[in-house]
Amino acid sequence: MFIIFLRLSKNKAAAHEHMAAHNAWIAAGFADGVFQCVGSLKPEGGGAVMAVGESGDALKERVNSDPFVQHDIVVAEIIEVDVKKTAPALEMLKA
């Protein structure tokens, strides 16, 4: 499992210009079965994504294709988590 932090960067003022493309990127991640959860970072802003089912290299390539990353609206940090135990509803995170 991976947790991706998308922290606001120096070009954050341009977020509104690229929001539709960023939302399409998120939708593609869900459609591909990779993204399991997305949300906003509080209170500073930015976002977080929980992802499974791709190698670290493939996920890095996916993250680098996010328009927010490409336009320096966010800086991405990808953290791999070796899940050992989950609630029954979250078994897929052990993938």
N, C-alpha and C. Protein backbone atom coordinates (compact mmCIF):
# COMPACT_ATOMS: atom_id res chain seq x y z
N MET A 1 0.85 -1.16 0.00
CA MET A 1 0.00 0.00 0.00
C MET A 1 0.90 1.23 0.00
N PHE A 2 0.41 2.27 -0.61
CA PHE A 2 1.13 3.53 -0.65
C PHE A 2 0.23 4.66 -0.18
N ILE A 3 0.82 5.61 0.51
CA ILE A 3 0.14 6.85 0.84
C ILE A 3 0.89 7.96 0.12
N ILE A 4 0.15 8.75 -0.62
CA ILE A 4 0.72 9.84 -1.40
C ILE A 4 0.27 11.15 -0.77
N PHE A 5 1.22 11.96 -0.39
CA PHE A 5 0.91 13.30 0.12
C PHE A 5 1.18 14.30 -0.99
N LEU A 6 0.21 15.13 -1.28
CA LEU A 6 0.33 16.18 -2.29
C LEU A 6 0.30 17.52 -1.55
N ARG A 7 1.47 18.04 -1.25
CA ARG A 7 1.58 19.27 -0.46
C ARG A 7 1.68 20.48 -1.39
N LEU A 8 0.93 21.52 -1.05
CA LEU A 8 0.90 22.72 -1.87
C LEU A 8 2.30 23.28 -2.06
N SER A 9 2.55 23.80 -3.26
CA SER A 9 3.86 24.31 -3.64
C SER A 9 3.76 25.77 -4.05
N LYS A 10 4.84 26.28 -4.63
CA LYS A 10 4.92 27.71 -4.93
C LYS A 10 3.90 28.18 -5.96
N ASN A 11 3.39 27.30 -6.81
CA ASN A 11 2.44 27.69 -7.85
C ASN A 11 0.99 27.36 -7.45
N LYS A 12 0.72 27.28 -6.15
CA LYS A 12 -0.61 26.88 -5.68
C LYS A 12 -1.73 27.79 -6.17
N ALA A 13 -1.42 29.03 -6.49
CA ALA A 13 -2.45 29.96 -6.97
C ALA A 13 -3.03 29.51 -8.31
N ALA A 14 -2.33 28.66 -9.04
CA ALA A 14 -2.81 28.19 -10.34
C ALA A 14 -3.69 26.94 -10.23
N ALA A 15 -4.01 26.52 -9.02
CA ALA A 15 -4.78 25.29 -8.84
C ALA A 15 -6.11 25.32 -9.58
N HIS A 16 -6.80 26.44 -9.52
CA HIS A 16 -8.12 26.51 -10.18
C HIS A 16 -8.02 26.28 -11.68
N GLU A 17 -6.92 26.67 -12.30
CA GLU A 17 -6.73 26.50 -13.75
C GLU A 17 -6.60 25.02 -14.15
N HIS A 18 -6.14 24.20 -13.23
CA HIS A 18 -5.85 22.80 -13.54
C HIS A 18 -6.73 21.82 -12.76
N MET A 19 -7.74 22.35 -12.05
CA MET A 19 -8.57 21.50 -11.19
C MET A 19 -9.32 20.43 -11.98
N ALA A 20 -9.88 20.77 -13.13
CA ALA A 20 -10.63 19.77 -13.92
C ALA A 20 -9.71 18.63 -14.35
N ALA A 21 -8.51 18.95 -14.80
CA ALA A 21 -7.56 17.92 -15.22
C ALA A 21 -7.09 17.09 -14.03
N HIS A 22 -6.89 17.73 -12.88
CA HIS A 22 -6.50 17.01 -11.67
C HIS A 22 -7.61 16.05 -11.24
N ASN A 23 -8.86 16.52 -11.29
CA ASN A 23 -9.99 15.66 -10.93
C ASN A 23 -10.12 14.49 -11.90
N ALA A 24 -9.82 14.70 -13.18
CA ALA A 24 -9.84 13.61 -14.15
C ALA A 24 -8.74 12.59 -13.83
N TRP A 25 -7.58 13.08 -13.39
CA TRP A 25 -6.48 12.20 -12.97
C TRP A 25 -6.92 11.34 -11.79
N ILE A 26 -7.60 11.95 -10.82
CA ILE A 26 -8.11 11.20 -9.66
C ILE A 26 -9.12 10.15 -10.13
N ALA A 27 -10.05 10.55 -10.99
CA ALA A 27 -11.07 9.62 -11.49
C ALA A 27 -10.43 8.42 -12.20
N ALA A 28 -9.37 8.67 -12.96
CA ALA A 28 -8.68 7.58 -13.65
C ALA A 28 -8.04 6.62 -12.65
N GLY A 29 -7.48 7.16 -11.57
CA GLY A 29 -6.89 6.31 -10.54
C GLY A 29 -7.91 5.39 -9.90
N PHE A 30 -9.11 5.91 -9.65
CA PHE A 30 -10.19 5.07 -9.12
C PHE A 30 -10.66 4.06 -10.16
N ALA A 31 -10.84 4.51 -11.41
CA ALA A 31 -11.31 3.62 -12.47
C ALA A 31 -10.34 2.46 -12.70
N ASP A 32 -9.05 2.72 -12.53
CA ASP A 32 -8.03 1.69 -12.70
C ASP A 32 -7.91 0.77 -11.49
N GLY A 33 -8.64 1.07 -10.41
CA GLY A 33 -8.59 0.25 -9.21
C GLY A 33 -7.38 0.51 -8.34
N VAL A 34 -6.64 1.57 -8.60
CA VAL A 34 -5.43 1.87 -7.86
C VAL A 34 -5.73 2.75 -6.65
N PHE A 35 -6.50 3.79 -6.83
CA PHE A 35 -6.82 4.70 -5.73
C PHE A 35 -7.96 4.11 -4.91
N GLN A 36 -7.79 4.11 -3.61
CA GLN A 36 -8.79 3.58 -2.70
C GLN A 36 -9.47 4.67 -1.88
N CYS A 37 -8.77 5.78 -1.71
CA CYS A 37 -9.27 6.87 -0.87
C CYS A 37 -8.50 8.13 -1.23
N VAL A 38 -9.19 9.25 -1.32
CA VAL A 38 -8.53 10.55 -1.47
C VAL A 38 -9.16 11.53 -0.50
N GLY A 39 -8.39 12.51 -0.09
CA GLY A 39 -8.91 13.52 0.82
C GLY A 39 -7.99 14.71 0.90
N SER A 40 -8.47 15.72 1.60
CA SER A 40 -7.71 16.96 1.77
C SER A 40 -6.88 16.91 3.04
N LEU A 41 -5.71 17.54 3.00
CA LEU A 41 -4.88 17.68 4.19
C LEU A 41 -5.37 18.89 4.96
N LYS A 42 -5.56 18.72 6.24
CA LYS A 42 -6.02 19.81 7.09
C LYS A 42 -4.94 20.14 8.11
N PRO A 43 -4.71 21.34 8.46
CA PRO A 43 -5.37 22.55 7.99
C PRO A 43 -4.64 23.22 6.82
N GLU A 44 -3.44 22.74 6.47
CA GLU A 44 -2.59 23.49 5.52
C GLU A 44 -3.01 23.35 4.06
N GLY A 45 -3.86 22.42 3.74
CA GLY A 45 -4.27 22.23 2.35
C GLY A 45 -3.40 21.21 1.65
N GLY A 46 -3.74 20.93 0.42
CA GLY A 46 -3.10 19.85 -0.31
C GLY A 46 -3.97 18.62 -0.20
N GLY A 47 -3.42 17.47 -0.52
CA GLY A 47 -4.23 16.26 -0.52
C GLY A 47 -3.44 15.03 -0.16
N ALA A 48 -4.19 13.93 0.01
CA ALA A 48 -3.60 12.64 0.30
C ALA A 48 -4.37 11.58 -0.48
N VAL A 49 -3.65 10.55 -0.92
CA VAL A 49 -4.24 9.47 -1.69
C VAL A 49 -3.74 8.15 -1.11
N MET A 50 -4.64 7.18 -0.94
CA MET A 50 -4.26 5.83 -0.56
C MET A 50 -4.33 4.99 -1.84
N ALA A 51 -3.25 4.27 -2.15
CA ALA A 51 -3.17 3.53 -3.41
C ALA A 51 -2.66 2.11 -3.18
N VAL A 52 -3.15 1.19 -4.01
CA VAL A 52 -2.71 -0.22 -3.98
C VAL A 52 -2.64 -0.75 -5.40
N GLY A 53 -1.97 -1.88 -5.56
CA GLY A 53 -2.05 -2.61 -6.81
C GLY A 53 -1.07 -2.20 -7.90
N GLU A 54 -0.16 -1.32 -7.62
CA GLU A 54 0.87 -0.93 -8.59
C GLU A 54 2.22 -0.97 -7.90
N SER A 55 3.26 -1.20 -8.68
CA SER A 55 4.62 -1.14 -8.14
C SER A 55 4.94 0.31 -7.79
N GLY A 56 5.97 0.49 -7.01
CA GLY A 56 6.40 1.84 -6.66
C GLY A 56 6.76 2.66 -7.89
N ASP A 57 7.44 2.04 -8.86
CA ASP A 57 7.82 2.76 -10.08
C ASP A 57 6.60 3.16 -10.90
N ALA A 58 5.64 2.25 -11.03
CA ALA A 58 4.42 2.56 -11.79
C ALA A 58 3.62 3.65 -11.10
N LEU A 59 3.58 3.60 -9.78
CA LEU A 59 2.84 4.63 -9.05
C LEU A 59 3.53 5.98 -9.18
N LYS A 60 4.86 5.99 -9.12
CA LYS A 60 5.59 7.24 -9.30
C LYS A 60 5.29 7.85 -10.66
N GLU A 61 5.25 7.02 -11.68
CA GLU A 61 4.91 7.50 -13.03
C GLU A 61 3.49 8.07 -13.06
N ARG A 62 2.56 7.39 -12.40
CA ARG A 62 1.18 7.87 -12.33
C ARG A 62 1.13 9.22 -11.62
N VAL A 63 1.80 9.33 -10.49
CA VAL A 63 1.79 10.58 -9.71
C VAL A 63 2.42 11.71 -10.53
N ASN A 64 3.48 11.42 -11.23
CA ASN A 64 4.13 12.45 -12.05
C ASN A 64 3.26 12.92 -13.21
N SER A 65 2.23 12.15 -13.55
CA SER A 65 1.31 12.56 -14.62
C SER A 65 0.17 13.44 -14.11
N ASP A 66 0.08 13.63 -12.79
CA ASP A 66 -0.94 14.52 -12.21
C ASP A 66 -0.66 15.95 -12.68
N PRO A 67 -1.64 16.62 -13.27
CA PRO A 67 -1.42 18.00 -13.70
C PRO A 67 -0.97 18.92 -12.56
N PHE A 68 -1.40 18.66 -11.35
CA PHE A 68 -0.96 19.48 -10.22
C PHE A 68 0.54 19.31 -9.98
N VAL A 69 1.06 18.11 -10.17
CA VAL A 69 2.50 17.87 -10.04
C VAL A 69 3.23 18.50 -11.22
N GLN A 70 2.72 18.30 -12.41
CA GLN A 70 3.36 18.83 -13.61
C GLN A 70 3.47 20.34 -13.62
N HIS A 71 2.51 21.02 -13.00
CA HIS A 71 2.49 22.49 -13.00
C HIS A 71 2.97 23.08 -11.66
N ASP A 72 3.63 22.24 -10.85
CA ASP A 72 4.23 22.68 -9.58
C ASP A 72 3.21 23.32 -8.63
N ILE A 73 1.98 22.82 -8.67
CA ILE A 73 0.96 23.26 -7.73
C ILE A 73 1.13 22.49 -6.43
N VAL A 74 1.55 21.23 -6.55
CA VAL A 74 1.85 20.41 -5.38
C VAL A 74 3.19 19.72 -5.58
N VAL A 75 3.78 19.34 -4.46
CA VAL A 75 4.95 18.46 -4.45
C VAL A 75 4.47 17.14 -3.87
N ALA A 76 4.75 16.05 -4.56
CA ALA A 76 4.28 14.74 -4.14
C ALA A 76 5.33 14.01 -3.31
N GLU A 77 4.84 13.35 -2.28
CA GLU A 77 5.67 12.45 -1.47
C GLU A 77 4.96 11.11 -1.43
N ILE A 78 5.63 10.06 -1.86
CA ILE A 78 5.04 8.72 -1.89
C ILE A 78 5.69 7.89 -0.78
N ILE A 79 4.85 7.35 0.09
CA ILE A 79 5.33 6.54 1.21
C ILE A 79 4.75 5.14 1.07
N GLU A 80 5.62 4.13 1.07
CA GLU A 80 5.15 2.74 1.00
C GLU A 80 4.94 2.21 2.41
N VAL A 81 3.82 1.53 2.60
CA VAL A 81 3.47 0.94 3.89
C VAL A 81 3.31 -0.56 3.68
N ASP A 82 4.03 -1.35 4.44
CA ASP A 82 3.89 -2.81 4.40
C ASP A 82 2.81 -3.19 5.41
N VAL A 83 1.58 -3.29 4.97
CA VAL A 83 0.43 -3.52 5.85
C VAL A 83 0.49 -4.94 6.40
N LYS A 84 0.37 -5.05 7.72
CA LYS A 84 0.42 -6.35 8.40
C LYS A 84 -0.94 -6.80 8.91
N LYS A 85 -1.76 -5.86 9.34
CA LYS A 85 -3.06 -6.20 9.93
C LYS A 85 -4.05 -5.11 9.58
N THR A 86 -5.28 -5.51 9.26
CA THR A 86 -6.32 -4.55 8.93
C THR A 86 -7.65 -5.01 9.51
N ALA A 87 -8.60 -4.10 9.53
CA ALA A 87 -9.98 -4.46 9.77
C ALA A 87 -10.44 -5.27 8.56
N PRO A 88 -11.43 -6.15 8.72
CA PRO A 88 -11.87 -6.99 7.59
C PRO A 88 -12.22 -6.20 6.33
N ALA A 89 -12.79 -5.04 6.47
CA ALA A 89 -13.20 -4.25 5.30
C ALA A 89 -12.00 -3.70 4.52
N LEU A 90 -10.81 -3.75 5.11
CA LEU A 90 -9.62 -3.17 4.47
C LEU A 90 -8.60 -4.22 4.04
N GLU A 91 -9.00 -5.47 3.92
CA GLU A 91 -8.08 -6.55 3.54
C GLU A 91 -7.34 -6.26 2.24
N MET A 92 -7.97 -5.54 1.31
CA MET A 92 -7.34 -5.27 0.01
C MET A 92 -6.07 -4.44 0.15
N LEU A 93 -5.87 -3.80 1.30
CA LEU A 93 -4.67 -2.99 1.50
C LEU A 93 -3.42 -3.85 1.69
N LYS A 94 -3.60 -5.12 1.92
CA LYS A 94 -2.46 -6.02 2.09
C LYS A 94 -1.87 -6.46 0.76
N ALA A 95 -2.42 -5.99 -0.33
CA ALA A 95 -1.97 -6.40 -1.67
C ALA A 95 -0.51 -6.05 -1.90
